[in-house]
Amino acid sequence: MAVTLGEITDRNREAVLALRVAPGQERFVGSVRNALAQAARYPHANPWYRAVCAAGEPAGFVMVSWDVEPQPPEIIGPWFLWKLLIDQRHQGRGYGAEAVWQVAGLVRAEGAISFGYGPDGKRIRRKVSGKTKQEVRAKLQALHQELNSGVRSSSTYTLREAVDDWLREGLDGTSDRTRTLYESPRPGYQLSGIVVRQAC
């Protein structure tokens, strides 16, 4: 039987809230209502949740902390399986395992690389996504090559932006006179609209 992950809507909300684990499992899993209350209490954990559906009907619930900056011990990340509940009537059919495989596939299709930390102490991340794992892997490899070469660019990075970045960050230790000379507009130089292309 096909298992799908579906959004919780007004149409299926009551059926999802009615899901219950087998007696004795409550102390390990809790309820969907409790999970949704946790999601509302910790929005900074970027909760992502779905109904686990079989034959078009809710059979379980899964919630993940989705691509979030870790803040231990309260927020674990970047991805964390926060809640997995399969209703007692649907247990033993592989629905939980299939839900985890599907979530893992979604996470694999969303890759990211850390480029260090900004002045505010937050991690600088570049994310990629793709239709297939191979596409994501290729994009991540390109980002790794960019990171290793020390280049951080985008396809729309203009010469004007490069010059502005250099003027802002590349003139440490120069005199005020030199800085003023470099920052003054030069007659005949038109920098807007020129896009820097890959040199090699």
Foldseek 3Di string as FASTA:
>chain_A
DDKDWAAQDPVQVVVQQPFDADPPCCVVANGPVVVVVVCVVCVQLVKDKTFTDDPRHGFWIWIKSDQHDADPPVHDDPIDGDHITGGHVPPPPCSRVVVVVVVVQVNLQKDKDWLQADPVRDTDIDIDGDPHSVVRVVVVVVVVVCSVVVHDDDQQAFPVNVLVCCLVPVQPPDDPVVSVVSPDDDPPDDGPPHTDDDPD
